Amino acid sequence: MGSMATKTYPGRYDEQDIAALEQLAEATGRSRNYHLNEALKSYLAEQRWQISHIQEGLADLNAGRMTPHEDVMAKGRRIIAGFAQAIRLSPPPHTDPAAGSCR
């Protein structure tokens, strides 16, 4: 894998975060810069994912591809009711059905 060009970009950080970063660098044997780069890459990937999904949702909304709120709530209630029924039919955890008591 090739080396990417880098650029120095100064910043200001909370003292507690710098202390935690220094502890992380020491514990892992990696540089503070390495961990800052990894954190930035992770943050940017998460933000890209969120923005793309928001844009996708807005496009669906604008195109009329949506489910009314009450339909979503009704489906959620049915799912919850199904789980509640399954829980009532299941034996309690750590129960020996043959002995009828907890182990």
Protein backbone atom coordinates (compact mmCIF):
# COMPACT_ATOMS: atom_id res chain seq x y z
CA MET A 1 0.00 0.00 0.00
CA GLY A 2 1.40 3.39 -0.98
CA SER A 3 2.14 6.28 1.32
CA MET A 4 -0.38 9.10 1.36
CA ALA A 5 0.75 12.72 1.37
CA THR A 6 0.38 14.33 4.77
CA LYS A 7 -0.18 17.87 5.92
CA THR A 8 0.33 19.45 9.31
CA TYR A 9 -2.92 20.76 10.73
CA PRO A 10 -2.77 22.35 14.19
CA GLY A 11 -5.59 22.06 16.66
CA ARG A 12 -6.65 22.74 20.23
CA TYR A 13 -7.71 19.87 22.48
CA ASP A 14 -9.00 19.47 26.00
CA GLU A 15 -6.25 18.67 28.49
CA GLN A 16 -8.08 15.52 29.62
CA ASP A 17 -8.26 14.27 26.04
CA ILE A 18 -4.54 14.89 25.54
CA ALA A 19 -3.77 13.00 28.76
CA ALA A 20 -5.95 10.10 27.61
CA LEU A 21 -4.27 10.18 24.18
CA GLU A 22 -0.83 10.04 25.79
CA GLN A 23 -1.90 7.07 27.94
CA LEU A 24 -3.28 5.29 24.88
CA ALA A 25 -0.09 5.92 22.92
CA GLU A 26 2.04 4.59 25.74
CA ALA A 27 -0.16 1.54 26.31
CA THR A 28 -0.20 0.58 22.64
CA GLY A 29 3.32 1.58 21.66
CA ARG A 30 1.86 3.74 18.90
CA SER A 31 2.34 7.47 18.45
CA ARG A 32 -0.18 10.11 19.46
CA ASN A 33 -0.26 11.13 15.81
CA TYR A 34 -1.21 7.58 14.79
CA HIS A 35 -4.15 7.55 17.19
CA LEU A 36 -5.29 11.04 16.15
CA ASN A 37 -5.22 9.96 12.51
CA GLU A 38 -7.18 6.78 13.26
CA ALA A 39 -9.76 8.73 15.28
CA LEU A 40 -10.14 11.30 12.51
CA LYS A 41 -10.56 8.61 9.84
CA SER A 42 -13.19 6.86 11.96
CA TYR A 43 -15.08 10.09 12.65
CA LEU A 44 -15.06 11.12 8.99
CA ALA A 45 -16.27 7.69 7.86
CA GLU A 46 -19.12 7.79 10.39
CA GLN A 47 -20.12 11.29 9.31
CA ARG A 48 -20.03 10.32 5.60
CA TRP A 49 -22.25 7.30 6.38
CA GLN A 50 -24.75 9.42 8.31
CA ILE A 51 -24.89 12.16 5.70
CA SER A 52 -25.36 9.70 2.85
CA HIS A 53 -28.21 7.95 4.69
CA ILE A 54 -29.87 11.27 5.53
CA GLN A 55 -29.61 12.33 1.88
CA GLU A 56 -31.01 8.96 0.79
CA GLY A 57 -33.91 9.35 3.20
CA LEU A 58 -34.64 12.88 2.00
CA ALA A 59 -34.59 11.67 -1.61
CA ASP A 60 -37.08 8.92 -0.69
CA LEU A 61 -39.27 11.47 1.08
CA ASN A 62 -39.16 13.85 -1.90
CA ALA A 63 -40.01 10.97 -4.25
CA GLY A 64 -42.99 9.97 -2.09
CA ARG A 65 -41.39 6.71 -0.93
CA MET A 66 -42.36 6.77 2.73
CA THR A 67 -44.43 4.85 5.26
CA PRO A 68 -46.97 6.74 7.36
CA HIS A 69 -45.99 7.11 11.03
CA GLU A 70 -49.04 5.18 12.28
CA ASP A 71 -48.18 2.20 10.05
CA VAL A 72 -44.66 2.09 11.49
CA MET A 73 -45.99 2.37 15.06
CA ALA A 74 -48.57 -0.38 14.46
CA LYS A 75 -45.87 -2.72 13.12
CA GLY A 76 -43.65 -1.92 16.12
CA ARG A 77 -46.49 -2.72 18.52
CA ARG A 78 -47.06 -6.08 16.78
CA ILE A 79 -43.35 -6.94 17.02
CA ILE A 80 -43.23 -6.01 20.71
CA ALA A 81 -46.39 -8.00 21.41
CA GLY A 82 -44.87 -11.03 19.69
CA PHE A 83 -41.72 -10.80 21.83
CA ALA A 84 -43.80 -10.35 24.97
CA GLN A 85 -45.81 -13.47 24.10
CA ALA A 86 -42.62 -15.44 23.43
CA ILE A 87 -41.19 -14.38 26.79
CA ARG A 88 -44.33 -15.48 28.61
CA LEU A 89 -44.12 -18.90 26.95
CA SER A 90 -40.41 -19.40 27.65
CA PRO A 91 -39.24 -21.04 30.88
CA PRO A 92 -37.33 -18.72 33.20
CA PRO A 93 -33.55 -18.77 32.71
CA HIS A 94 -31.57 -21.40 34.64
CA THR A 95 -34.67 -23.51 35.13
CA ASP A 96 -34.71 -27.26 34.87
CA PRO A 97 -38.16 -27.95 33.40
CA ALA A 98 -38.12 -31.54 34.69
CA ALA A 99 -37.38 -30.54 38.28
CA GLY A 100 -39.54 -27.42 38.16
CA SER A 101 -37.04 -25.30 40.07
CA CYS A 102 -33.98 -23.20 39.56
CA ARG A 103 -30.58 -24.84 39.64
